C-alpha atoms as a PDB file:
ATOM      1  CA  UNK A   1      40.298 -28.919  -7.853  1.00  0.00           C
ATOM      2  CA  UNK A   2      40.668 -28.685  -4.086  1.00  0.00           C
ATOM      3  CA  UNK A   3      40.369 -24.884  -4.312  1.00  0.00           C
ATOM      4  CA  UNK A   4      37.125 -25.290  -6.247  1.00  0.00           C
ATOM      5  CA  UNK A   5      35.621 -27.462  -3.500  1.00  0.00           C
ATOM      6  CA  UNK A   6      36.776 -25.031  -0.834  1.00  0.00           C
ATOM      7  CA  UNK A   7      35.229 -22.168  -2.804  1.00  0.00           C
ATOM      8  CA  UNK A   8      31.921 -24.063  -3.129  1.00  0.00           C
ATOM      9  CA  UNK A   9      31.943 -24.920   0.578  1.00  0.00           C
ATOM     10  CA  UNK A  10      32.559 -21.267   1.460  1.00  0.00           C
ATOM     11  CA  UNK A  11      29.658 -20.177  -0.756  1.00  0.00           C
ATOM     12  CA  UNK A  12      27.404 -22.733   0.884  1.00  0.00           C
ATOM     13  CA  UNK A  13      28.331 -21.520   4.368  1.00  0.00           C
ATOM     14  CA  UNK A  14      27.824 -17.860   3.412  1.00  0.00           C
ATOM     15  CA  UNK A  15      24.506 -18.676   1.735  1.00  0.00           C
ATOM     16  CA  UNK A  16      23.232 -20.528   4.783  1.00  0.00           C
ATOM     17  CA  UNK A  17      24.343 -17.735   7.101  1.00  0.00           C
ATOM     18  CA  UNK A  18      22.161 -15.124   5.368  1.00  0.00           C
ATOM     19  CA  UNK A  19      19.107 -14.170   7.427  1.00  0.00           C
ATOM     20  CA  UNK A  20      15.696 -15.087   6.068  1.00  0.00           C
ATOM     21  CA  UNK A  21      13.801 -12.398   4.239  1.00  0.00           C
ATOM     22  CA  UNK A  22      10.216 -11.776   5.322  1.00  0.00           C
ATOM     23  CA  UNK A  23       7.655 -10.515   2.811  1.00  0.00           C
ATOM     24  CA  UNK A  24       4.464  -8.574   3.563  1.00  0.00           C
ATOM     25  CA  UNK A  25       1.317  -7.452   1.742  1.00  0.00           C
ATOM     26  CA  UNK A  26      -1.317  -4.914   2.654  1.00  0.00           C
ATOM     27  CA  UNK A  27      -4.796  -6.423   2.912  1.00  0.00           C
ATOM     28  CA  UNK A  28      -8.260  -5.123   2.125  1.00  0.00           C
ATOM     29  CA  UNK A  29     -10.967  -5.086   4.791  1.00  0.00           C
ATOM     30  CA  UNK A  30     -12.993  -7.622   2.818  1.00  0.00           C
ATOM     31  CA  UNK A  31     -13.708  -8.938  -0.647  1.00  0.00           C
ATOM     32  CA  UNK A  32     -14.971  -6.852  -3.537  1.00  0.00           C
ATOM     33  CA  UNK A  33     -18.617  -7.582  -4.340  1.00  0.00           C
ATOM     34  CA  UNK A  34     -19.159  -9.580  -7.495  1.00  0.00           C
ATOM     35  CA  UNK A  35     -20.944  -8.129 -10.485  1.00  0.00           C
ATOM     36  CA  UNK A  36     -21.087  -4.677 -11.965  1.00  0.00           C
ATOM     37  CA  UNK A  37     -22.017  -1.318 -10.585  1.00  0.00           C
ATOM     38  CA  UNK A  38     -20.442   2.107 -10.529  1.00  0.00           C
ATOM     39  CA  UNK A  39     -17.059   2.042 -12.268  1.00  0.00           C
ATOM     40  CA  UNK A  40     -14.223   3.145  -9.988  1.00  0.00           C
ATOM     41  CA  UNK A  41     -10.637   3.435 -11.184  1.00  0.00           C
ATOM     42  CA  UNK A  42      -7.824   3.841  -8.655  1.00  0.00           C
ATOM     43  CA  UNK A  43      -4.589   5.447  -9.776  1.00  0.00           C
ATOM     44  CA  UNK A  44      -2.160   6.687 -10.627  1.00  0.00           C
ATOM     45  CA  UNK A  45      -0.567   6.700  -7.203  1.00  0.00           C
ATOM     46  CA  UNK A  46       2.447   8.813  -6.235  1.00  0.00           C
ATOM     47  CA  UNK A  47       4.642   7.617  -3.359  1.00  0.00           C
ATOM     48  CA  UNK A  48       6.944   9.715  -1.203  1.00  0.00           C
ATOM     49  CA  UNK A  49      10.506   8.870  -2.217  1.00  0.00           C
ATOM     50  CA  UNK A  50      11.382   7.324   1.120  1.00  0.00           C
ATOM     51  CA  UNK A  51       8.636   4.715   0.558  1.00  0.00           C
ATOM     52  CA  UNK A  52       9.563   3.865  -3.023  1.00  0.00           C
ATOM     53  CA  UNK A  53      11.688   0.844  -2.141  1.00  0.00           C
ATOM     54  CA  UNK A  54      11.150  -2.875  -1.524  1.00  0.00           C
ATOM     55  CA  UNK A  55      11.911  -2.567   2.211  1.00  0.00           C
ATOM     56  CA  UNK A  56       9.544  -1.651   5.011  1.00  0.00           C
ATOM     57  CA  UNK A  57      10.335   1.732   6.567  1.00  0.00           C
ATOM     58  CA  UNK A  58       9.904   2.657  10.219  1.00  0.00           C
ATOM     59  CA  UNK A  59      10.214   5.976  11.981  1.00  0.00           C
ATOM     60  CA  UNK A  60      12.795   5.659  14.741  1.00  0.00           C
ATOM     61  CA  UNK A  61      12.837   9.266  15.920  1.00  0.00           C
ATOM     62  CA  UNK A  62      11.306  12.586  14.899  1.00  0.00           C
ATOM     63  CA  UNK A  63      13.776  13.030  12.036  1.00  0.00           C
ATOM     64  CA  UNK A  64      15.134   9.507  11.609  1.00  0.00           C
ATOM     65  CA  UNK A  65      13.813   6.627   9.538  1.00  0.00           C
ATOM     66  CA  UNK A  66      14.993   3.037   9.518  1.00  0.00           C
ATOM     67  CA  UNK A  67      14.968   0.675   6.551  1.00  0.00           C
ATOM     68  CA  UNK A  68      14.289  -2.972   7.440  1.00  0.00           C
ATOM     69  CA  UNK A  69      16.693  -4.974   5.292  1.00  0.00           C
ATOM     70  CA  UNK A  70      15.083  -8.349   6.049  1.00  0.00           C
ATOM     71  CA  UNK A  71      11.443  -7.175   5.949  1.00  0.00           C
ATOM     72  CA  UNK A  72      10.176  -6.356   2.464  1.00  0.00           C
ATOM     73  CA  UNK A  73       7.036  -5.731   0.513  1.00  0.00           C
ATOM     74  CA  UNK A  74       5.953  -8.759  -1.520  1.00  0.00           C
ATOM     75  CA  UNK A  75       5.821  -6.810  -4.772  1.00  0.00           C
ATOM     76  CA  UNK A  76       5.409  -3.206  -5.747  1.00  0.00           C
ATOM     77  CA  UNK A  77       4.054  -1.048  -2.904  1.00  0.00           C
ATOM     78  CA  UNK A  78       2.256   1.294  -5.319  1.00  0.00           C
ATOM     79  CA  UNK A  79       0.383  -1.618  -6.877  1.00  0.00           C
ATOM     80  CA  UNK A  80      -0.413  -3.067  -3.462  1.00  0.00           C
ATOM     81  CA  UNK A  81      -1.885   0.264  -2.273  1.00  0.00           C
ATOM     82  CA  UNK A  82      -3.925   0.574  -5.496  1.00  0.00           C
ATOM     83  CA  UNK A  83      -5.273  -2.982  -5.206  1.00  0.00           C
ATOM     84  CA  UNK A  84      -6.250  -2.612  -1.538  1.00  0.00           C
ATOM     85  CA  UNK A  85      -7.792   0.841  -2.035  1.00  0.00           C
ATOM     86  CA  UNK A  86      -9.803  -0.384  -5.040  1.00  0.00           C
ATOM     87  CA  UNK A  87     -11.056  -3.406  -3.083  1.00  0.00           C
ATOM     88  CA  UNK A  88     -11.994  -1.262  -0.081  1.00  0.00           C
ATOM     89  CA  UNK A  89     -13.795   1.287  -2.283  1.00  0.00           C
ATOM     90  CA  UNK A  90     -15.644  -1.487  -4.123  1.00  0.00           C
ATOM     91  CA  UNK A  91     -16.788  -2.976  -0.842  1.00  0.00           C
ATOM     92  CA  UNK A  92     -17.843   0.380   0.606  1.00  0.00           C
ATOM     93  CA  UNK A  93     -19.648   1.509  -2.577  1.00  0.00           C
ATOM     94  CA  UNK A  94     -21.089  -1.991  -3.198  1.00  0.00           C
ATOM     95  CA  UNK A  95     -19.641  -2.318  -6.691  1.00  0.00           C
ATOM     96  CA  UNK A  96     -17.598  -5.042  -8.292  1.00  0.00           C
ATOM     97  CA  UNK A  97     -16.632  -2.720 -11.132  1.00  0.00           C
ATOM     98  CA  UNK A  98     -13.285  -1.521  -9.744  1.00  0.00           C
ATOM     99  CA  UNK A  99     -10.049  -1.127 -11.679  1.00  0.00           C
ATOM    100  CA  UNK A 100      -6.465  -0.171 -10.954  1.00  0.00           C
ATOM    101  CA  UNK A 101      -4.448   2.135 -13.174  1.00  0.00           C
ATOM    102  CA  UNK A 102      -3.809   1.727 -16.031  1.00  0.00           C
ATOM    103  CA  UNK A 103      -7.171   0.415 -17.221  1.00  0.00           C
ATOM    104  CA  UNK A 104      -7.932  -0.324 -20.829  1.00  0.00           C
ATOM    105  CA  UNK A 105     -11.052   1.745 -21.395  1.00  0.00           C
ATOM    106  CA  UNK A 106     -12.204   5.007 -19.770  1.00  0.00           C
ATOM    107  CA  UNK A 107     -15.800   4.294 -20.798  1.00  0.00           C
ATOM    108  CA  UNK A 108     -16.040   1.725 -17.979  1.00  0.00           C
ATOM    109  CA  UNK A 109     -15.033   4.300 -15.350  1.00  0.00           C
ATOM    110  CA  UNK A 110     -17.448   6.670 -13.592  1.00  0.00           C
ATOM    111  CA  UNK A 111     -14.910   7.934 -11.040  1.00  0.00           C
ATOM    112  CA  UNK A 112     -11.127   8.040 -10.966  1.00  0.00           C
ATOM    113  CA  UNK A 113      -9.331   8.285  -7.628  1.00  0.00           C
ATOM    114  CA  UNK A 114      -5.725   9.505  -7.571  1.00  0.00           C
ATOM    115  CA  UNK A 115      -3.544   9.279  -4.485  1.00  0.00           C
ATOM    116  CA  UNK A 116      -0.420  11.064  -3.284  1.00  0.00           C
ATOM    117  CA  UNK A 117       0.942   8.957  -0.414  1.00  0.00           C
ATOM    118  CA  UNK A 118       3.103  11.328   1.635  1.00  0.00           C
ATOM    119  CA  UNK A 119       3.571   9.134   4.718  1.00  0.00           C
ATOM    120  CA  UNK A 120       2.923   5.448   5.356  1.00  0.00           C
ATOM    121  CA  UNK A 121       5.000   3.883   8.089  1.00  0.00           C
ATOM    122  CA  UNK A 122       5.001   2.792  11.704  1.00  0.00           C
ATOM    123  CA  UNK A 123       6.951   4.377  14.482  1.00  0.00           C
ATOM    124  CA  UNK A 124       8.635   3.483  17.724  1.00  0.00           C
ATOM    125  CA  UNK A 125       5.684   5.163  19.498  1.00  0.00           C
ATOM    126  CA  UNK A 126       3.478   2.143  18.669  1.00  0.00           C
ATOM    127  CA  UNK A 127       1.422   3.818  15.938  1.00  0.00           C
ATOM    128  CA  UNK A 128       1.198   3.566  12.174  1.00  0.00           C
ATOM    129  CA  UNK A 129       0.758   6.819  10.251  1.00  0.00           C
ATOM    130  CA  UNK A 130      -0.851   7.588   6.899  1.00  0.00           C
ATOM    131  CA  UNK A 131      -0.944  10.966   5.192  1.00  0.00           C
ATOM    132  CA  UNK A 132      -2.369  11.022   1.687  1.00  0.00           C
ATOM    133  CA  UNK A 133      -3.721  13.610  -0.668  1.00  0.00           C
ATOM    134  CA  UNK A 134      -6.558  12.300  -2.827  1.00  0.00           C
ATOM    135  CA  UNK A 135      -8.735  13.502  -5.672  1.00  0.00           C
ATOM    136  CA  UNK A 136     -11.890  12.126  -7.226  1.00  0.00           C
ATOM    137  CA  UNK A 137     -12.491  12.892 -10.895  1.00  0.00           C
ATOM    138  CA  UNK A 138     -15.904  12.281 -12.447  1.00  0.00           C
ATOM    139  CA  UNK A 139     -16.003  10.761 -15.918  1.00  0.00           C
ATOM    140  CA  UNK A 140     -16.410  11.346 -18.798  1.00  0.00           C
ATOM    141  CA  UNK A 141     -15.817  15.080 -18.221  1.00  0.00           C
ATOM    142  CA  UNK A 142     -12.755  14.511 -15.940  1.00  0.00           C
ATOM    143  CA  UNK A 143     -13.976  17.179 -13.544  1.00  0.00           C
ATOM    144  CA  UNK A 144     -12.592  17.262  -9.984  1.00  0.00           C
ATOM    145  CA  UNK A 145     -15.475  16.136  -7.779  1.00  0.00           C
ATOM    146  CA  UNK A 146     -13.586  16.247  -4.460  1.00  0.00           C
ATOM    147  CA  UNK A 147     -10.060  16.788  -3.192  1.00  0.00           C
ATOM    148  CA  UNK A 148      -8.748  16.398   0.318  1.00  0.00           C
ATOM    149  CA  UNK A 149      -5.790  15.517   2.513  1.00  0.00           C
ATOM    150  CA  UNK A 150      -6.338  12.536   4.801  1.00  0.00           C
ATOM    151  CA  UNK A 151      -4.213  12.069   7.928  1.00  0.00           C
ATOM    152  CA  UNK A 152      -4.650   9.349  10.540  1.00  0.00           C
ATOM    153  CA  UNK A 153      -2.814   7.232  13.091  1.00  0.00           C
ATOM    154  CA  UNK A 154      -3.586   3.648  14.035  1.00  0.00           C
ATOM    155  CA  UNK A 155      -2.345   1.829  17.131  1.00  0.00           C
ATOM    156  CA  UNK A 156      -0.288  -1.303  16.548  1.00  0.00           C
ATOM    157  CA  UNK A 157      -1.936  -4.292  18.205  1.00  0.00           C
ATOM    158  CA  UNK A 158       1.460  -5.793  19.105  1.00  0.00           C
ATOM    159  CA  UNK A 159       5.148  -5.376  18.362  1.00  0.00           C
ATOM    160  CA  UNK A 160       6.652  -6.430  15.063  1.00  0.00           C
ATOM    161  CA  UNK A 161       6.428  -5.873  11.357  1.00  0.00           C
ATOM    162  CA  UNK A 162       3.306  -7.994  10.881  1.00  0.00           C
ATOM    163  CA  UNK A 163       1.403  -5.762  13.320  1.00  0.00           C
ATOM    164  CA  UNK A 164       2.812  -2.707  11.540  1.00  0.00           C
ATOM    165  CA  UNK A 165       1.531  -3.851   8.143  1.00  0.00           C
ATOM    166  CA  UNK A 166      -1.856  -4.799   9.649  1.00  0.00           C
ATOM    167  CA  UNK A 167      -2.192  -1.283  11.111  1.00  0.00           C
ATOM    168  CA  UNK A 168      -1.240   0.250   7.755  1.00  0.00           C
ATOM    169  CA  UNK A 169      -3.949  -1.902   6.116  1.00  0.00           C
ATOM    170  CA  UNK A 170      -6.511  -0.558   8.600  1.00  0.00           C
ATOM    171  CA  UNK A 171      -5.388   2.977   7.753  1.00  0.00           C
ATOM    172  CA  UNK A 172      -6.002   2.303   4.058  1.00  0.00           C
ATOM    173  CA  UNK A 173      -9.504   1.121   4.985  1.00  0.00           C
ATOM    174  CA  UNK A 174     -10.115   4.454   6.754  1.00  0.00           C
ATOM    175  CA  UNK A 175      -8.720   6.323   3.748  1.00  0.00           C
ATOM    176  CA  UNK A 176     -11.147   4.465   1.462  1.00  0.00           C
ATOM    177  CA  UNK A 177     -14.051   5.360   3.769  1.00  0.00           C
ATOM    178  CA  UNK A 178     -13.051   9.029   3.576  1.00  0.00           C
ATOM    179  CA  UNK A 179     -12.914   8.860  -0.228  1.00  0.00           C
ATOM    180  CA  UNK A 180     -16.170   6.866  -0.541  1.00  0.00           C
ATOM    181  CA  UNK A 181     -18.039   9.459   1.531  1.00  0.00           C
ATOM    182  CA  UNK A 182     -17.375  12.027  -1.242  1.00  0.00           C
ATOM    183  CA  UNK A 183     -18.453   9.890  -4.229  1.00  0.00           C
END
């Protein structure tokens, strides 16, 4: 019985010694307008393998990345990017009729936007980076309307992971503006 109490005490000490995990979400530049309008579907989204993890990733050197064990995405990064991009596109195109992949009915979609996120991280140089290939398909014929590679950098407003995620959110806003200009 004494061993059991010692075991429980040891677990309690180890549990309390674990560092706190911090969780982050990307944010849209503003709310989606209410109501209908042009139907925009966002997705599917492909992520570079180094990003397909729950942890935030930073670039430490030209060829070295770091994985932040205690700083994580609050959910699936692909879904977060889709949600933020859809909200930004809805705001920019003044439509509340935005969807994320998979949607239930193609008849509600006028344009589909697919993304290939090749880079999305912050670096020790004080900048966040986004490189993404995107395509717009018009519906119902599923014809490619536009296709482009978007690359941008955004200065971090301060040190830390919160500033990193805020800069990445601003980059997604710029990506949405690039896409919206071709719709």
